[in-house]
Amino acid sequence: MTTGDEAGGSTTTAQRRQQLDAMENDALRQAANWFILAAGTSNVIMQLSRPAVAYGVMESKVDEGNLFKNPKRRARTTLAYIAVTMLGGAEERAAMRRATNASHARVRSEPGHPVGYNAFDPAHQRWVTACLYLGAEHAYERVHGPLQGEFRERFYHQGSVFGTTLQLPPESWPATRDDFEAYWQAEVAGLTMDERTRDYLSRIVRLEYLGRRIPAPVLRLRQRLVAGYLGPEFRALMQLPWTDADAQSFEKFNRRLARFMRLAPAAVREAPLRRQLRDVRRRLAEGRPLF
């Protein structure tokens, strides 16, 4: 039987969740550009550099969401999540959280597992959120330059939606961008990666989940981009080579893409995410599952 206090507390929680779902995204959506896609694989590697997150993905029994078993579906749902957080509204965010909850409920380790994992663990959620947030921040800065002043804090605050659309309690998100930086540096300093995880992520870099031969020049370009967007700490974890020539080629690619993004209208910059958001809205209107 539910008490009055419990009912009141539940209502307060629900109201707070509605407020978070309705969070403004005017600053965050300025990062909705093609760099989100260009750095997508690198962001996945960053997320899975935390062992519990890696094992939760590698050992997940949710076959329909497995990249190597259903790559198109996995790509669609991942991009849909980002589209909803960056461009969507309260209804889409609430629906995406429900769908994510249902999927994540099955992602937990058996008792005694050497790397315990649980998709609802706030510490793991905070790490995934931090990676997604930095992906957006880097996408913005590649095009517009460094975040500064009040806008930097507003952008960061809106970025918390990457977590609250998961199950991350808002109080678990570092209060300011400087607090986030301290959190990030401490977490990165403690990361480790075993051979099983490195091999799994290397297979993703090599596009093995597509199940077909990829031309060598394409794979070389892909590895250079993945390594470049990862940054030095994560390149070291992955044991990826990086030369001065790689760095020059990488920055040349980024300068060209950034110039195009600055000249392109919003409809073009946001096109990949807008396409996924339209799909989410169609699914909701037709009563079809998001995942």
Protein backbone atom coordinates (compact mmCIF):
# COMPACT_ATOMS: atom_id res chain seq x y z
CA MET A 1 0.00 0.00 0.00
CA THR A 2 1.37 3.45 -0.94
CA THR A 3 1.51 6.06 1.77
CA GLY A 4 0.72 9.72 1.25
CA ASP A 5 4.37 10.68 1.64
CA GLU A 6 5.45 8.05 -0.85
CA ALA A 7 2.83 9.21 -3.31
CA GLY A 8 3.90 12.82 -2.84
CA GLY A 9 7.54 11.90 -3.28
CA SER A 10 6.73 9.93 -6.43
CA THR A 11 4.82 12.87 -7.87
CA THR A 12 7.71 15.20 -7.12
CA THR A 13 10.12 12.82 -8.85
CA ALA A 14 7.84 12.58 -11.87
CA GLN A 15 7.53 16.36 -12.06
CA ARG A 16 11.28 16.75 -11.83
CA ARG A 17 11.72 14.22 -14.60
CA GLN A 18 9.29 16.13 -16.80
CA GLN A 19 11.27 19.32 -16.21
CA LEU A 20 14.48 17.58 -17.21
CA ASP A 21 12.87 16.14 -20.34
CA ALA A 22 11.73 19.63 -21.30
CA MET A 23 15.19 21.17 -20.85
CA GLU A 24 16.01 23.84 -23.42
CA ASN A 25 18.51 22.82 -26.11
CA ASP A 26 19.22 26.09 -27.94
CA ALA A 27 22.93 25.99 -27.03
CA LEU A 28 23.44 22.25 -27.36
CA ARG A 29 21.88 22.03 -30.80
CA GLN A 30 24.61 24.33 -32.13
CA ALA A 31 26.85 21.26 -31.90
CA ALA A 32 24.53 19.20 -34.11
CA ASN A 33 26.84 18.88 -37.09
CA TRP A 34 28.69 16.22 -39.06
CA PHE A 35 31.54 15.98 -36.55
CA ILE A 36 29.13 14.04 -34.31
CA LEU A 37 29.15 11.29 -36.94
CA ALA A 38 32.82 11.65 -37.91
CA ALA A 39 33.89 11.02 -34.31
CA GLY A 40 31.18 8.47 -33.53
CA THR A 41 33.37 5.37 -33.40
CA SER A 42 35.94 7.20 -31.29
CA ASN A 43 33.21 8.12 -28.82
CA VAL A 44 32.12 4.49 -28.57
CA ILE A 45 35.71 3.51 -27.80
CA MET A 46 35.91 6.18 -25.11
CA GLN A 47 32.74 4.86 -23.49
CA LEU A 48 33.97 1.26 -23.57
CA SER A 49 37.35 2.23 -22.14
CA ARG A 50 35.65 1.87 -18.76
CA PRO A 51 35.85 -1.92 -18.15
CA ALA A 52 32.37 -2.32 -16.68
CA VAL A 53 30.80 -0.53 -19.66
CA ALA A 54 32.86 -2.61 -22.09
CA TYR A 55 31.86 -5.92 -20.54
CA GLY A 56 28.25 -4.84 -20.30
CA VAL A 57 28.27 -4.33 -24.07
CA MET A 58 30.41 -7.33 -25.01
CA GLU A 59 28.41 -9.77 -22.90
CA SER A 60 24.97 -8.27 -23.38
CA LYS A 61 22.24 -10.79 -24.06
CA VAL A 62 20.20 -8.15 -25.89
CA ASP A 63 20.90 -9.67 -29.31
CA GLU A 64 18.75 -7.22 -31.23
CA GLY A 65 21.03 -4.39 -30.07
CA ASN A 66 24.29 -6.22 -30.76
CA LEU A 67 26.44 -4.35 -33.30
CA PHE A 68 27.88 -7.55 -34.77
CA LYS A 69 24.48 -9.22 -35.09
CA ASN A 70 22.34 -6.27 -36.16
CA PRO A 71 24.58 -3.36 -37.23
CA LYS A 72 21.87 -1.34 -38.98
CA ARG A 73 19.60 -1.42 -35.97
CA ARG A 74 22.41 -0.58 -33.59
CA ALA A 75 23.48 2.39 -35.70
CA ARG A 76 19.88 3.60 -35.98
CA THR A 77 19.13 3.45 -32.27
CA THR A 78 22.44 5.02 -31.24
CA LEU A 79 22.00 7.94 -33.61
CA ALA A 80 18.35 8.24 -32.64
CA TYR A 81 19.34 8.65 -29.00
CA ILE A 82 21.74 11.47 -29.86
CA ALA A 83 19.17 13.11 -32.14
CA VAL A 84 16.51 13.06 -29.44
CA THR A 85 18.81 14.51 -26.79
CA MET A 86 20.21 17.27 -28.99
CA LEU A 87 17.21 18.20 -31.14
CA GLY A 88 14.14 16.56 -29.61
CA GLY A 89 11.53 17.68 -27.13
CA ALA A 90 10.13 16.39 -23.86
CA GLU A 91 7.88 13.72 -25.41
CA GLU A 92 10.67 12.17 -27.47
CA ARG A 93 13.11 12.23 -24.55
CA ALA A 94 10.66 10.55 -22.21
CA ALA A 95 9.92 7.86 -24.80
CA MET A 96 13.62 7.32 -25.47
CA ARG A 97 14.32 6.92 -21.76
CA ARG A 98 11.57 4.31 -21.43
CA ALA A 99 12.97 2.39 -24.38
CA THR A 100 16.50 2.61 -23.00
CA ASN A 101 15.36 1.48 -19.56
CA ALA A 102 13.72 -1.62 -21.04
CA SER A 103 16.87 -2.50 -22.96
CA HIS A 104 19.30 -1.77 -20.12
CA ALA A 105 17.31 -3.74 -17.57
CA ARG A 106 18.77 -6.91 -19.11
CA VAL A 107 22.38 -5.68 -18.97
CA ARG A 108 23.86 -6.86 -15.68
CA SER A 109 26.59 -9.31 -14.75
CA GLU A 110 26.10 -12.60 -12.98
CA PRO A 111 27.13 -12.78 -9.30
CA GLY A 112 30.88 -13.27 -8.92
CA HIS A 113 31.75 -11.87 -12.35
CA PRO A 114 35.35 -10.52 -12.29
CA VAL A 115 34.18 -7.28 -13.92
CA GLY A 116 30.83 -6.52 -12.33
CA TYR A 117 28.52 -4.40 -14.45
CA ASN A 118 25.01 -3.03 -14.28
CA ALA A 119 23.62 -0.62 -16.87
CA PHE A 120 21.73 1.24 -14.13
CA ASP A 121 24.87 2.00 -12.09
CA PRO A 122 25.06 5.83 -11.79
CA ALA A 123 28.87 5.80 -11.95
CA HIS A 124 28.82 3.99 -15.30
CA GLN A 125 25.99 6.18 -16.57
CA ARG A 126 27.95 9.30 -15.59
CA TRP A 127 30.94 8.07 -17.57
CA VAL A 128 28.87 7.34 -20.68
CA THR A 129 27.18 10.72 -20.34
CA ALA A 130 30.55 12.43 -20.00
CA CYS A 131 31.78 10.82 -23.22
CA LEU A 132 28.63 11.81 -25.11
CA TYR A 133 28.84 15.34 -23.74
CA LEU A 134 32.48 15.74 -24.77
CA GLY A 135 31.58 14.49 -28.23
CA ALA A 136 29.08 17.35 -28.53
CA GLU A 137 31.50 19.87 -27.07
CA HIS A 138 34.24 18.86 -29.48
CA ALA A 139 31.80 18.98 -32.41
CA TYR A 140 30.90 22.55 -31.46
CA GLU A 141 34.48 23.68 -30.96
CA ARG A 142 35.71 22.15 -34.23
CA VAL A 143 33.33 24.48 -36.05
CA HIS A 144 32.95 27.54 -33.83
CA GLY A 145 36.02 27.64 -31.60
CA PRO A 146 36.31 27.32 -27.80
CA LEU A 147 33.27 27.59 -25.55
CA GLN A 148 33.55 30.66 -23.36
CA GLY A 149 31.89 32.51 -20.50
CA GLU A 150 28.19 32.16 -19.78
CA PHE A 151 27.57 30.27 -23.00
CA ARG A 152 30.11 27.60 -21.91
CA GLU A 153 28.13 26.94 -18.74
CA ARG A 154 24.78 27.01 -20.52
CA PHE A 155 26.03 24.55 -23.12
CA TYR A 156 27.41 22.31 -20.37
CA HIS A 157 24.18 22.45 -18.34
CA GLN A 158 22.10 21.51 -21.38
CA GLY A 159 24.54 18.68 -22.06
CA SER A 160 23.34 16.93 -18.92
CA VAL A 161 20.38 15.76 -21.02
CA PHE A 162 22.66 13.04 -22.41
CA GLY A 163 22.48 11.51 -18.94
CA THR A 164 19.00 12.39 -17.75
CA THR A 165 17.60 10.77 -20.91
CA LEU A 166 19.37 7.66 -19.67
CA GLN A 167 18.66 7.16 -15.99
CA LEU A 168 21.38 9.42 -14.56
CA PRO A 169 20.18 11.36 -11.49
CA PRO A 170 20.80 15.07 -12.23
CA GLU A 171 22.66 15.49 -8.95
CA SER A 172 25.24 12.97 -10.21
CA TRP A 173 26.30 15.34 -13.00
CA PRO A 174 29.20 17.65 -11.99
CA ALA A 175 27.79 21.06 -11.14
CA THR A 176 29.99 23.22 -13.39
CA ARG A 177 32.16 22.75 -16.45
CA ASP A 178 35.28 23.14 -14.28
CA ASP A 179 33.95 20.45 -11.92
CA PHE A 180 33.43 18.25 -14.95
CA GLU A 181 37.02 18.78 -16.06
CA ALA A 182 38.32 17.63 -12.68
CA TYR A 183 36.04 14.58 -12.83
CA TRP A 184 37.12 13.76 -16.38
CA GLN A 185 40.85 14.01 -15.72
CA ALA A 186 40.58 11.80 -12.62
CA GLU A 187 38.56 9.16 -14.49
CA VAL A 188 40.84 9.08 -17.52
CA ALA A 189 43.92 8.71 -15.32
CA GLY A 190 42.49 5.50 -13.84
CA LEU A 191 41.38 3.79 -17.07
CA THR A 192 42.72 0.39 -18.07
CA MET A 193 41.97 -1.85 -21.04
CA ASP A 194 42.46 -5.60 -21.34
CA GLU A 195 43.19 -7.54 -24.51
CA ARG A 196 39.64 -8.80 -24.90
CA THR A 197 38.26 -5.26 -24.92
CA ARG A 198 41.01 -3.96 -27.19
CA ASP A 199 40.38 -6.76 -29.68
CA TYR A 200 36.62 -6.14 -29.64
CA LEU A 201 37.08 -2.41 -30.26
CA SER A 202 39.72 -3.04 -32.94
CA ARG A 203 37.19 -5.17 -34.80
CA ILE A 204 34.81 -2.20 -34.72
CA VAL A 205 37.52 0.08 -36.09
CA ARG A 206 38.13 -2.43 -38.92
CA LEU A 207 34.37 -2.46 -39.69
CA GLU A 208 34.19 -6.23 -39.27
CA TYR A 209 30.56 -5.94 -38.17
CA LEU A 210 29.62 -5.11 -41.77
CA GLY A 211 30.54 -8.64 -42.82
CA ARG A 212 32.26 -7.69 -46.07
CA ARG A 213 35.69 -6.75 -47.34
CA ILE A 214 36.61 -3.09 -46.86
CA PRO A 215 39.22 -1.57 -49.21
CA ALA A 216 42.57 -0.94 -47.54
CA PRO A 217 42.62 2.84 -48.27
CA VAL A 218 39.24 3.21 -46.59
CA LEU A 219 40.45 1.34 -43.51
CA ARG A 220 43.61 3.46 -43.32
CA LEU A 221 41.57 6.66 -43.44
CA ARG A 222 39.13 5.31 -40.89
CA GLN A 223 41.89 4.31 -38.47
CA ARG A 224 43.49 7.75 -38.79
CA LEU A 225 40.20 9.52 -38.04
CA VAL A 226 39.34 7.21 -35.15
CA ALA A 227 42.79 7.64 -33.63
CA GLY A 228 42.70 11.40 -34.11
CA TYR A 229 39.35 11.94 -32.45
CA LEU A 230 40.35 9.67 -29.56
CA GLY A 231 43.20 11.81 -28.30
CA PRO A 232 46.51 10.58 -26.82
CA GLU A 233 45.27 8.86 -23.65
CA PHE A 234 42.80 6.67 -25.50
CA ARG A 235 45.18 6.03 -28.39
CA ALA A 236 47.60 4.63 -25.83
CA LEU A 237 44.90 2.34 -24.38
CA MET A 238 44.08 1.08 -27.86
CA GLN A 239 47.76 0.89 -28.86
CA LEU A 240 47.01 2.80 -32.05
CA PRO A 241 49.94 4.27 -34.01
CA TRP A 242 50.06 8.04 -34.52
CA THR A 243 52.65 9.96 -36.54
CA ASP A 244 53.21 13.60 -37.42
CA ALA A 245 51.94 12.81 -40.90
CA ASP A 246 48.76 11.35 -39.38
CA ALA A 247 48.26 14.49 -37.31
CA GLN A 248 48.72 16.78 -40.32
CA SER A 249 46.31 14.80 -42.46
CA PHE A 250 43.78 14.64 -39.62
CA GLU A 251 43.82 18.39 -39.02
CA LYS A 252 43.55 19.08 -42.76
CA PHE A 253 40.41 16.93 -42.90
CA ASN A 254 38.96 18.76 -39.89
CA ARG A 255 39.67 22.21 -41.30
CA ARG A 256 37.88 21.34 -44.52
CA LEU A 257 34.87 19.83 -42.78
CA ALA A 258 34.68 22.74 -40.32
CA ARG A 259 34.74 25.27 -43.16
CA PHE A 260 31.91 23.42 -44.90
CA MET A 261 29.91 23.27 -41.65
CA ARG A 262 30.28 27.02 -41.10
CA LEU A 263 28.96 27.75 -44.60
CA ALA A 264 26.20 25.14 -44.65
CA PRO A 265 22.65 26.05 -43.55
CA ALA A 266 21.27 24.46 -40.40
CA ALA A 267 19.18 22.02 -42.42
CA VAL A 268 22.36 20.58 -43.92
CA ARG A 269 24.42 20.63 -40.70
CA GLU A 270 21.68 18.87 -38.77
CA ALA A 271 20.50 16.59 -41.58
CA PRO A 272 21.79 13.23 -40.20
CA LEU A 273 20.24 13.86 -36.78
CA ARG A 274 17.05 15.36 -38.17
CA ARG A 275 16.54 12.22 -40.27
CA GLN A 276 16.73 10.04 -37.17
CA LEU A 277 14.47 12.36 -35.19
CA ARG A 278 11.83 12.09 -37.92
CA ASP A 279 12.08 8.31 -37.68
CA VAL A 280 11.58 8.47 -33.91
CA ARG A 281 8.51 10.65 -34.34
CA ARG A 282 7.05 8.32 -36.96
CA ARG A 283 7.56 5.35 -34.69
CA LEU A 284 5.88 7.13 -31.79
CA ALA A 285 2.92 8.19 -33.98
CA GLU A 286 2.49 4.65 -35.30
CA GLY A 287 2.94 2.99 -31.90
CA ARG A 288 6.08 1.11 -33.01
CA PRO A 289 8.99 0.44 -30.65
CA LEU A 290 11.97 2.80 -30.73
CA PHE A 291 14.44 -0.02 -30.13
